[in-house]
């Protein structure tokens, strides 16, 4: 049987993006390297590190980027012998790490702005600038390779003035550079927007944090297997603090955004399959030609895995926890979840149209 076309969709989530690095590591280990990546924000940075390097260097570059982003919680954390593995002390360390990042930034990603010149529109107020991220991208990404078409790359941004989504796509002749990636990551008011041409562009997650519709709007004629990596899980645990409640609200808002989009697309693809199966006598009617052009008999399977933060993470501040232990834990979680997704590929029912599967590890394995 012919291999399906493999696509990968990566969402935004600042420090949660380490989960996507682990997911990609397991994906390529399973022989499912993507030919097209659609991404925003932190996902766009991971996507650039993949598409902008030869296959044998991609994991090295991803590891290097996330290691350079580490901001340890000392001296704000209590003193202990070694990092706590779990429980209240672990939560205290995670919160201290998030606070330290808020105060001092992340070495390889952002720094407090304080009037310093850096990436972004100088006249737009923001807490941090992304100059460290620009330096990392210029050092770790070969932009000629990224734009070569070896891997199709689609990066989402948002026009800050009109609210319109603006997508840059290497398959459509756009040349993606550091500015496009910084713009996709520029979440106001944390980071300043980036001027590209006549547009002032900000974080792509403001339009769609998991831009899976970019894949679904331009599917190839063959069967497609798409892995979607969501950094905010729709399903979660009962919150017991105000911070946990606020974090849960953010997860639900982003996770439901993705689920509602896919529910609509499932209905659309059922109709497209029915159109493709119309009998020949009907298909011969010339007035139906525009309708028949929308038919699609090929299969599209989407496996969606979501990052489920541990109960002892930093709650509302989890996206700013750049501690080494947390980033390593997220990377490992991404690997485990993607391995589970790959195990389920062979067991999936091959149905025409669009089929969506959510991948979730049992609670005792998280």
Protein backbone atom coordinates (compact mmCIF):
# COMPACT_ATOMS: atom_id res chain seq x y z
CA UNK A 1 0.00 0.00 0.00
CA UNK A 2 1.23 3.49 -0.83
CA UNK A 3 2.47 5.51 2.15
CA UNK A 4 0.18 8.43 3.02
CA UNK A 5 1.35 12.03 2.81
CA UNK A 6 2.64 12.96 6.29
CA UNK A 7 1.87 16.40 7.71
CA UNK A 8 2.61 17.95 11.10
CA UNK A 9 0.82 20.85 12.84
CA UNK A 10 2.47 22.61 15.78
CA UNK A 11 0.75 25.08 18.12
CA UNK A 12 2.03 27.95 20.22
CA UNK A 13 2.68 27.94 23.96
CA UNK A 14 6.08 29.57 24.76
CA UNK A 15 8.00 27.16 27.06
CA UNK A 16 5.41 24.42 26.50
CA UNK A 17 6.96 24.07 23.04
CA UNK A 18 9.58 21.65 24.38
CA UNK A 19 6.80 19.02 24.22
CA UNK A 20 6.75 19.45 20.43
CA UNK A 21 10.48 18.73 20.24
CA UNK A 22 9.95 15.37 21.91
CA UNK A 23 6.92 14.61 19.73
CA UNK A 24 8.98 15.26 16.59
CA UNK A 25 11.81 13.06 17.88
CA UNK A 26 9.42 10.11 18.27
CA UNK A 27 7.76 10.86 14.93
CA UNK A 28 10.97 10.58 12.91
CA UNK A 29 12.13 7.58 14.97
CA UNK A 30 8.90 5.92 13.84
CA UNK A 31 9.67 6.61 10.17
CA UNK A 32 6.96 9.27 9.75
CA UNK A 33 8.99 12.37 8.88
CA UNK A 34 6.59 15.14 7.76
CA UNK A 35 6.62 16.65 4.29
CA UNK A 36 4.58 19.68 5.36
CA UNK A 37 4.57 21.56 8.67
CA UNK A 38 2.01 24.23 9.57
CA UNK A 39 2.76 26.14 12.75
CA UNK A 40 2.45 29.29 14.84
CA UNK A 41 4.45 30.92 17.63
CA UNK A 42 6.64 28.43 19.55
CA UNK A 43 5.53 25.80 17.06
CA UNK A 44 6.83 27.96 14.21
CA UNK A 45 10.23 28.13 15.91
CA UNK A 46 10.35 24.33 16.23
CA UNK A 47 9.19 24.00 12.62
CA UNK A 48 11.97 26.31 11.40
CA UNK A 49 14.59 24.30 13.30
CA UNK A 50 13.30 21.19 11.52
CA UNK A 51 12.82 22.57 8.01
CA UNK A 52 15.98 24.68 8.17
CA UNK A 53 18.40 21.82 8.82
CA UNK A 54 19.38 18.54 7.13
CA UNK A 55 17.67 15.44 8.61
CA UNK A 56 20.75 14.36 10.57
CA UNK A 57 21.03 17.75 12.33
CA UNK A 58 17.38 18.45 13.18
CA UNK A 59 17.17 16.83 16.60
CA UNK A 60 20.55 18.28 17.57
CA UNK A 61 19.31 21.76 16.67
CA UNK A 62 16.03 21.30 18.54
CA UNK A 63 17.88 20.09 21.64
CA UNK A 64 20.35 22.96 21.36
CA UNK A 65 17.60 25.55 21.16
CA UNK A 66 15.72 24.30 24.21
CA UNK A 67 18.90 23.87 26.24
CA UNK A 68 19.84 27.49 25.47
CA UNK A 69 16.39 28.58 26.70
CA UNK A 70 16.89 27.18 30.22
CA UNK A 71 16.38 29.61 33.08
CA UNK A 72 16.96 27.87 36.42
CA UNK A 73 14.94 29.05 39.45
CA UNK A 74 17.90 29.78 41.76
CA UNK A 75 18.32 32.11 43.61
CA UNK A 76 14.54 32.61 43.91
CA UNK A 77 13.86 28.94 44.75
CA UNK A 78 14.51 27.45 48.20
CA UNK A 79 17.78 25.61 48.74
CA UNK A 80 17.59 21.85 48.50
CA UNK A 81 19.78 18.94 47.58
CA UNK A 82 18.92 18.35 43.97
CA UNK A 83 15.74 19.20 42.14
CA UNK A 84 12.50 17.85 43.71
CA UNK A 85 10.85 15.16 41.61
CA UNK A 86 7.20 15.82 42.46
CA UNK A 87 4.80 17.34 44.95
CA UNK A 88 4.66 20.74 46.68
CA UNK A 89 8.43 21.38 46.50
CA UNK A 90 8.36 20.62 42.79
CA UNK A 91 5.49 23.08 42.35
CA UNK A 92 7.42 25.70 44.35
CA UNK A 93 10.44 25.23 42.07
CA UNK A 94 8.27 25.51 38.94
CA UNK A 95 6.63 28.71 40.20
CA UNK A 96 10.05 30.15 41.11
CA UNK A 97 11.33 29.31 37.63
CA UNK A 98 8.34 31.02 36.02
CA UNK A 99 8.81 34.10 38.22
CA UNK A 100 12.51 34.24 37.39
CA UNK A 101 11.68 34.14 33.66
CA UNK A 102 9.16 36.95 34.12
CA UNK A 103 11.80 39.05 35.88
CA UNK A 104 14.89 38.27 33.81
CA UNK A 105 13.69 36.56 30.62
CA UNK A 106 14.91 33.34 29.03
CA UNK A 107 18.55 33.39 27.81
CA UNK A 108 17.86 32.08 24.32
CA UNK A 109 14.37 33.46 23.78
CA UNK A 110 13.57 36.88 25.31
CA UNK A 111 14.82 39.55 27.69
CA UNK A 112 13.18 42.44 29.55
CA UNK A 113 12.75 45.31 27.11
CA UNK A 114 13.47 48.31 29.37
CA UNK A 115 13.87 50.57 26.34
CA UNK A 116 16.54 48.37 24.78
CA UNK A 117 16.56 48.18 20.99
CA UNK A 118 15.49 44.75 19.83
CA UNK A 119 13.14 42.73 17.68
CA UNK A 120 9.79 44.41 17.12
CA UNK A 121 8.16 47.77 16.48
CA UNK A 122 9.96 50.31 18.65
CA UNK A 123 6.82 52.42 19.20
CA UNK A 124 4.65 49.57 20.53
CA UNK A 125 4.85 48.99 24.31
CA UNK A 126 5.86 45.46 25.34
CA UNK A 127 7.43 43.80 28.37
CA UNK A 128 10.16 41.87 26.54
CA UNK A 129 12.04 41.85 23.27
CA UNK A 130 12.92 38.84 21.15
CA UNK A 131 16.47 39.72 20.19
CA UNK A 132 17.88 36.55 21.87
CA UNK A 133 15.47 34.48 19.78
CA UNK A 134 16.58 36.24 16.60
CA UNK A 135 20.21 35.43 17.42
CA UNK A 136 19.33 31.79 18.03
CA UNK A 137 17.44 31.51 14.74
CA UNK A 138 20.27 33.06 12.77
CA UNK A 139 22.73 30.63 14.35
CA UNK A 140 20.65 27.44 14.17
CA UNK A 141 18.54 27.75 10.99
CA UNK A 142 19.69 27.58 7.37
CA UNK A 143 17.06 29.80 5.76
CA UNK A 144 18.06 28.79 2.23
CA UNK A 145 17.27 25.17 3.11
CA UNK A 146 14.10 26.20 4.94
CA UNK A 147 12.84 27.90 1.77
CA UNK A 148 14.05 25.19 -0.61
CA UNK A 149 10.79 23.22 -0.58
CA UNK A 150 12.34 20.09 0.92
CA UNK A 151 9.70 20.47 3.64
CA UNK A 152 6.76 22.73 2.95
CA UNK A 153 6.45 25.27 5.76
CA UNK A 154 3.37 27.38 6.54
CA UNK A 155 3.67 29.99 9.30
CA UNK A 156 0.67 31.85 10.70
CA UNK A 157 0.71 35.44 11.97
CA UNK A 158 -1.96 38.03 12.81
CA UNK A 159 -2.28 41.59 11.48
CA UNK A 160 -2.42 43.61 14.71
CA UNK A 161 -4.38 46.47 13.11
CA UNK A 162 -7.00 44.63 11.03
CA UNK A 163 -7.14 41.38 13.01
CA UNK A 164 -6.73 39.43 9.77
CA UNK A 165 -4.72 36.23 9.72
CA UNK A 166 -1.64 36.42 7.49
CA UNK A 167 0.00 33.17 6.41
CA UNK A 168 3.44 32.76 4.86
CA UNK A 169 3.87 29.56 2.86
CA UNK A 170 7.03 28.39 1.14
CA UNK A 171 4.97 26.41 -1.41
CA UNK A 172 3.30 29.63 -2.55
CA UNK A 173 6.47 31.57 -3.18
CA UNK A 174 6.89 33.27 0.20
CA UNK A 175 10.43 33.48 1.52
CA UNK A 176 10.31 32.97 5.28
CA UNK A 177 13.03 34.62 7.33
CA UNK A 178 13.69 35.47 10.99
CA UNK A 179 11.20 38.36 10.95
CA UNK A 180 8.32 36.08 9.96
CA UNK A 181 9.11 33.68 12.81
CA UNK A 182 9.46 36.52 15.33
CA UNK A 183 6.16 37.98 14.14
CA UNK A 184 4.43 34.63 14.61
CA UNK A 185 5.76 34.57 18.20
CA UNK A 186 4.99 38.21 19.09
CA UNK A 187 2.16 37.87 21.62
CA UNK A 188 1.05 41.30 22.84
CA UNK A 189 1.69 42.77 25.35
CA UNK A 190 4.55 40.40 26.19
CA UNK A 191 6.42 40.86 22.89
CA UNK A 192 6.26 43.70 20.36
CA UNK A 193 4.83 43.07 16.88
CA UNK A 194 7.05 43.01 13.80
CA UNK A 195 6.67 45.21 10.74
CA UNK A 196 6.76 43.19 7.50
CA UNK A 197 5.99 45.22 4.40
CA UNK A 198 2.92 47.34 5.11
CA UNK A 199 1.66 45.10 7.91
CA UNK A 200 2.26 45.11 11.65
CA UNK A 201 2.20 41.42 12.55
CA UNK A 202 1.85 39.58 15.84
CA UNK A 203 1.34 36.13 17.26
CA UNK A 204 -0.30 33.60 14.94
CA UNK A 205 -2.08 32.00 17.88
CA UNK A 206 -4.35 35.04 18.10
CA UNK A 207 -5.97 33.78 14.88
CA UNK A 208 -5.63 30.00 15.26
CA UNK A 209 -3.32 28.45 17.83
CA UNK A 210 -3.35 25.06 16.06
CA UNK A 211 -3.53 26.00 12.35
CA UNK A 212 -4.74 22.63 11.13
CA UNK A 213 -7.10 24.31 8.67
CA UNK A 214 -4.08 25.31 6.57
CA UNK A 215 -3.48 21.60 5.87
CA UNK A 216 -7.17 20.80 5.35
CA UNK A 217 -7.64 23.68 2.89
CA UNK A 218 -4.94 22.40 0.51
CA UNK A 219 -4.88 18.62 0.81
CA UNK A 220 -2.93 16.63 -1.77
CA UNK A 221 -4.85 14.10 -3.88
CA UNK A 222 -3.44 11.13 -1.95
CA UNK A 223 -4.30 9.86 1.54
CA UNK A 224 -3.04 12.16 4.30
CA UNK A 225 -1.89 11.28 7.83
CA UNK A 226 -1.62 14.44 9.90
CA UNK A 227 -0.16 14.66 13.40
CA UNK A 228 -1.47 17.69 15.30
CA UNK A 229 0.37 18.71 18.48
CA UNK A 230 -1.70 20.91 20.78
CA UNK A 231 0.03 22.52 23.78
CA UNK A 232 -3.21 23.22 25.66
CA UNK A 233 -5.26 20.13 26.53
CA UNK A 234 -9.05 20.32 26.33
CA UNK A 235 -9.40 17.60 28.99
CA UNK A 236 -7.82 18.10 32.38
CA UNK A 237 -8.09 17.78 36.15
CA UNK A 238 -10.33 19.42 38.73
CA UNK A 239 -8.68 22.74 39.75
CA UNK A 240 -8.14 23.33 43.48
CA UNK A 241 -6.56 26.81 43.40
CA UNK A 242 -7.30 30.10 41.65
CA UNK A 243 -4.12 29.74 39.57
CA UNK A 244 -5.10 26.22 38.54
CA UNK A 245 -8.56 27.47 37.60
CA UNK A 246 -7.11 30.23 35.43
CA UNK A 247 -4.71 27.77 33.76
CA UNK A 248 -7.58 25.37 33.14
CA UNK A 249 -9.63 28.14 31.51
CA UNK A 250 -6.79 28.83 29.07
CA UNK A 251 -6.45 25.16 28.22
CA UNK A 252 -10.17 24.82 27.55
CA UNK A 253 -10.32 27.97 25.42
CA UNK A 254 -7.52 26.82 23.10
CA UNK A 255 -8.47 23.13 23.12
CA UNK A 256 -12.12 23.81 22.32
CA UNK A 257 -11.08 26.14 19.51
CA UNK A 258 -9.40 23.19 17.82
CA UNK A 259 -12.22 20.75 18.50
CA UNK A 260 -14.92 23.06 17.09
CA UNK A 261 -12.88 23.61 13.93
CA UNK A 262 -12.47 19.86 13.40
CA UNK A 263 -16.14 19.10 13.99
CA UNK A 264 -17.05 21.47 11.16
CA UNK A 265 -14.40 19.97 8.88
CA UNK A 266 -15.62 16.43 9.58
CA UNK A 267 -19.06 17.40 8.25
CA UNK A 268 -17.47 19.09 5.23
CA UNK A 269 -15.41 16.03 4.36
CA UNK A 270 -18.39 13.70 4.67
CA UNK A 271 -20.09 15.81 2.01
CA UNK A 272 -16.97 15.81 -0.17
CA UNK A 273 -16.80 12.02 0.04
CA UNK A 274 -20.47 11.72 -0.95
CA UNK A 275 -19.85 14.01 -3.91
CA UNK A 276 -16.94 11.81 -5.03
CA UNK A 277 -19.22 8.75 -4.87
CA UNK A 278 -22.03 10.17 -7.03
CA UNK A 279 -22.96 7.73 -9.82
CA UNK A 280 -21.78 8.34 -13.38
CA UNK A 281 -25.17 9.41 -14.82
CA UNK A 282 -25.28 12.26 -12.31
CA UNK A 283 -21.65 13.19 -12.87
CA UNK A 284 -22.28 13.73 -16.56
CA UNK A 285 -24.48 16.78 -15.94
CA UNK A 286 -22.37 19.80 -16.99
CA UNK A 287 -24.05 22.13 -14.51
CA UNK A 288 -22.68 19.98 -11.66
CA UNK A 289 -19.05 20.39 -12.68
CA UNK A 290 -18.23 23.03 -10.01
CA UNK A 291 -19.78 20.80 -7.33
CA UNK A 292 -17.99 17.66 -8.53
CA UNK A 293 -14.66 19.48 -8.34
CA UNK A 294 -15.14 19.62 -4.56
CA UNK A 295 -15.37 15.84 -4.25
CA UNK A 296 -12.55 13.97 -2.54
CA UNK A 297 -12.35 10.22 -2.11
CA UNK A 298 -8.90 10.08 -0.47
CA UNK A 299 -8.64 9.53 3.28
CA UNK A 300 -7.50 12.17 5.75
CA UNK A 301 -6.62 10.94 9.24
CA UNK A 302 -5.73 13.37 12.02
CA UNK A 303 -4.10 12.21 15.25
CA UNK A 304 -4.14 14.97 17.86
CA UNK A 305 -1.97 14.78 20.95
CA UNK A 306 -2.20 17.41 23.69
CA UNK A 307 0.22 18.38 26.43
CA UNK A 308 -1.28 17.62 29.84
CA UNK A 309 0.65 19.63 32.43
CA UNK A 310 1.38 17.83 35.69
CA UNK A 311 -0.50 19.02 38.78
CA UNK A 312 2.75 20.29 40.30
CA UNK A 313 3.61 22.56 37.36
CA UNK A 314 3.38 26.32 37.70
CA UNK A 315 -0.33 26.65 36.94
CA UNK A 316 -1.08 29.89 35.14
CA UNK A 317 2.67 30.56 34.80
CA UNK A 318 3.52 27.19 33.24
CA UNK A 319 4.28 28.72 29.82
CA UNK A 320 7.13 30.69 31.47
CA UNK A 321 8.71 27.78 33.32
CA UNK A 322 12.01 27.31 31.46
CA UNK A 323 13.73 25.24 34.17
CA UNK A 324 15.81 22.34 32.88
CA UNK A 325 13.75 19.74 34.74
CA UNK A 326 10.46 21.04 33.35
CA UNK A 327 11.69 21.33 29.75
CA UNK A 328 13.14 17.80 29.91
CA UNK A 329 9.87 16.49 31.37
CA UNK A 330 7.88 18.12 28.56
CA UNK A 331 10.21 16.74 25.89
CA UNK A 332 9.82 13.24 27.37
CA UNK A 333 6.04 13.61 27.53
CA UNK A 334 5.98 14.57 23.84
CA UNK A 335 8.01 11.48 22.96
CA UNK A 336 5.72 9.18 24.96
CA UNK A 337 2.52 10.64 23.54
CA UNK A 338 3.78 10.47 19.96
CA UNK A 339 4.88 6.86 20.43
CA UNK A 340 1.36 6.08 21.61
CA UNK A 341 -0.04 7.84 18.54
CA UNK A 342 2.21 5.82 16.25
CA UNK A 343 1.14 2.58 17.94
CA UNK A 344 -2.48 3.45 17.18
CA UNK A 345 -1.90 4.23 13.50
CA UNK A 346 -1.92 0.56 12.51
CA UNK A 347 -5.12 -0.11 14.44
CA UNK A 348 -7.06 2.78 12.96
CA UNK A 349 -10.01 1.99 10.73
CA UNK A 350 -9.23 3.21 7.25
CA UNK A 351 -12.34 5.19 6.37
CA UNK A 352 -12.94 7.59 3.51
CA UNK A 353 -13.29 11.25 4.37
CA UNK A 354 -11.81 12.90 7.45
CA UNK A 355 -11.33 10.95 10.68
CA UNK A 356 -10.11 12.61 13.90
CA UNK A 357 -8.54 10.74 16.82
CA UNK A 358 -7.49 12.25 20.16
CA UNK A 359 -4.49 10.54 21.74
CA UNK A 360 -4.34 10.44 25.52
CA UNK A 361 -2.12 8.38 27.81
CA UNK A 362 -3.82 6.82 30.85
CA UNK A 363 -3.58 9.04 33.93
CA UNK A 364 -1.23 6.60 35.71
CA UNK A 365 1.30 6.97 32.88
CA UNK A 366 1.46 10.78 33.02
